[in-house]
Amino acid sequence: MDSTTTPSNESILSAEDIHRDNLTAFSVGNKARFLLNRGLLALYETGLYRALDYPSIIKYADVNFGFSPSQTYESLRVADALRTLPRLTEAFKEGKTFWSAVRDCVFPPQSPQGDGKLGSPSPGQRRPGSTGR
């Protein structure tokens, strides 16, 4: 192994350093996801995606971010809901909670029996607050 592939003692990070860097990256990622979702919602609500020559917000998110239609709608719904949930918004942006937890707070998963009692619609039903745009 040459010197370019062998770490020197000066470049070895401690577990604590790596963990701190991971937490920082996670928080930065959450902030970026929040800003992306908020931007998608702004383009969607104003129709400004058309000014960028996209026929729909779905096409815009697919081409630019590789989002599926379901990912796009999920991002729009969560961004909309977070406008009225400031504590959850701040916890997410600060890296104190996960995307899946935020999503599940906004749209709880179905119960194991599939009865929908926890607020998730059955396939084909619109979620409360969705506009169908």
Protein backbone atom coordinates (compact mmCIF):
# COMPACT_ATOMS: atom_id res chain seq x y z
CA MET A 1 0.00 0.00 0.00
CA ASP A 2 1.41 3.38 -0.90
CA SER A 3 1.26 6.48 1.27
CA THR A 4 -1.86 7.80 -0.49
CA THR A 5 -3.98 4.88 0.74
CA THR A 6 -2.51 4.50 4.21
CA PRO A 7 -3.97 6.95 6.71
CA SER A 8 -1.47 8.86 8.77
CA ASN A 9 -1.95 9.30 12.49
CA GLU A 10 -2.82 12.95 11.82
CA SER A 11 -5.76 12.07 9.55
CA ILE A 12 -7.40 9.48 11.79
CA LEU A 13 -10.57 10.80 13.39
CA SER A 14 -11.95 9.64 16.67
CA ALA A 15 -15.37 8.04 16.93
CA GLU A 16 -16.60 11.24 18.57
CA ASP A 17 -15.30 13.37 15.67
CA ILE A 18 -16.96 11.12 13.11
CA HIS A 19 -20.22 11.11 15.11
CA ARG A 20 -20.18 14.93 15.40
CA ASP A 21 -19.60 15.22 11.64
CA ASN A 22 -22.46 12.78 10.99
CA LEU A 23 -24.83 14.78 13.19
CA THR A 24 -23.84 17.99 11.42
CA ALA A 25 -24.40 16.41 8.01
CA PHE A 26 -27.78 15.07 9.13
CA SER A 27 -28.89 18.51 10.31
CA VAL A 28 -27.69 20.14 7.09
CA GLY A 29 -29.57 17.47 5.12
CA ASN A 30 -32.77 18.14 7.05
CA LYS A 31 -32.47 21.88 6.45
CA ALA A 32 -31.94 21.22 2.76
CA ARG A 33 -34.95 18.87 2.62
CA PHE A 34 -37.08 21.49 4.38
CA LEU A 35 -36.01 24.20 1.91
CA LEU A 36 -36.56 21.90 -1.07
CA ASN A 37 -40.05 20.95 0.11
CA ARG A 38 -40.93 24.56 0.81
CA GLY A 39 -39.66 25.55 -2.64
CA LEU A 40 -41.67 22.79 -4.31
CA LEU A 41 -44.77 23.98 -2.48
CA ALA A 42 -44.18 27.59 -3.53
CA LEU A 43 -43.78 26.59 -7.19
CA TYR A 44 -46.86 24.39 -6.95
CA GLU A 45 -49.15 26.92 -5.26
CA THR A 46 -48.17 29.74 -7.60
CA GLY A 47 -47.90 27.64 -10.75
CA LEU A 48 -44.42 29.10 -11.34
CA TYR A 49 -43.12 25.70 -12.48
CA ARG A 50 -44.75 26.68 -15.80
CA ALA A 51 -42.42 29.69 -16.04
CA LEU A 52 -39.59 27.14 -15.97
CA ASP A 53 -41.21 25.30 -18.92
CA TYR A 54 -42.54 22.33 -16.93
CA PRO A 55 -46.11 21.16 -17.50
CA SER A 56 -46.55 20.08 -13.87
CA ILE A 57 -44.86 20.10 -10.49
CA ILE A 58 -44.58 16.31 -10.87
CA LYS A 59 -42.48 16.69 -14.03
CA TYR A 60 -40.39 19.44 -12.44
CA ALA A 61 -39.57 17.29 -9.38
CA ASP A 62 -38.90 14.22 -11.52
CA VAL A 63 -36.49 15.94 -13.91
CA ASN A 64 -34.62 17.98 -11.31
CA PHE A 65 -34.60 15.70 -8.26
CA GLY A 66 -35.58 12.23 -9.44
CA PHE A 67 -38.74 12.32 -7.32
CA SER A 68 -41.56 9.92 -8.08
CA PRO A 69 -45.08 11.36 -8.15
CA SER A 70 -45.74 9.93 -4.68
CA GLN A 71 -42.53 11.49 -3.31
CA THR A 72 -43.53 14.84 -4.78
CA TYR A 73 -47.04 14.78 -3.33
CA GLU A 74 -45.70 13.62 0.02
CA SER A 75 -43.21 16.51 0.04
CA LEU A 76 -45.95 18.99 -0.85
CA ARG A 77 -48.31 17.73 1.85
CA VAL A 78 -45.62 17.75 4.53
CA ALA A 79 -44.42 21.23 3.56
CA ASP A 80 -48.00 22.48 3.74
CA ALA A 81 -48.59 20.89 7.14
CA LEU A 82 -45.31 22.17 8.60
CA ARG A 83 -46.50 25.75 8.10
CA THR A 84 -48.79 25.21 11.10
CA LEU A 85 -46.38 23.07 13.16
CA PRO A 86 -43.53 25.38 14.20
CA ARG A 87 -42.08 23.13 16.93
CA LEU A 88 -41.96 20.11 14.64
CA THR A 89 -40.48 22.28 11.88
CA GLU A 90 -37.67 23.52 14.14
CA ALA A 91 -36.95 20.03 15.51
CA PHE A 92 -36.65 18.74 11.96
CA LYS A 93 -34.45 21.60 10.76
CA GLU A 94 -32.17 21.21 13.80
CA GLY A 95 -31.71 17.49 13.14
CA LYS A 96 -33.58 16.48 16.29
CA THR A 97 -36.04 14.30 14.38
CA PHE A 98 -36.12 12.28 11.17
CA TRP A 99 -37.96 12.78 7.86
CA SER A 100 -39.94 9.58 8.44
CA ALA A 101 -41.03 10.81 11.88
CA VAL A 102 -42.12 14.17 10.48
CA ARG A 103 -44.01 12.47 7.66
CA ASP A 104 -45.68 10.06 10.09
CA CYS A 105 -46.66 12.91 12.45
CA VAL A 106 -48.38 14.62 9.56
CA PHE A 107 -49.85 11.42 8.08
CA PRO A 108 -49.89 8.57 10.60
CA PRO A 109 -49.53 5.09 9.10
CA GLN A 110 -52.46 2.70 8.98
CA SER A 111 -52.99 0.31 11.84
CA PRO A 112 -51.81 -3.28 11.26
CA GLN A 113 -55.46 -4.25 10.67
CA GLY A 114 -55.63 -1.81 7.73
CA ASP A 115 -58.73 -0.17 9.18
CA GLY A 116 -57.35 3.33 8.62
CA LYS A 117 -58.15 4.38 12.19
CA LEU A 118 -54.82 6.15 12.55
CA GLY A 119 -55.58 8.62 9.78
CA SER A 120 -54.07 7.12 6.65
CA PRO A 121 -56.43 6.87 3.69
CA SER A 122 -56.96 3.67 1.81
CA PRO A 123 -55.56 3.54 -1.74
CA GLY A 124 -57.42 5.92 -4.03
CA GLN A 125 -58.61 8.21 -1.24
CA ARG A 126 -57.24 11.73 -0.93
CA ARG A 127 -55.57 12.77 2.27
CA PRO A 128 -57.19 15.57 4.24
CA GLY A 129 -55.96 18.91 3.02
CA SER A 130 -54.84 17.62 -0.37
CA THR A 131 -55.98 19.75 -3.26
CA GLY A 132 -55.60 17.24 -6.05
CA ARG A 133 -53.59 19.72 -8.14
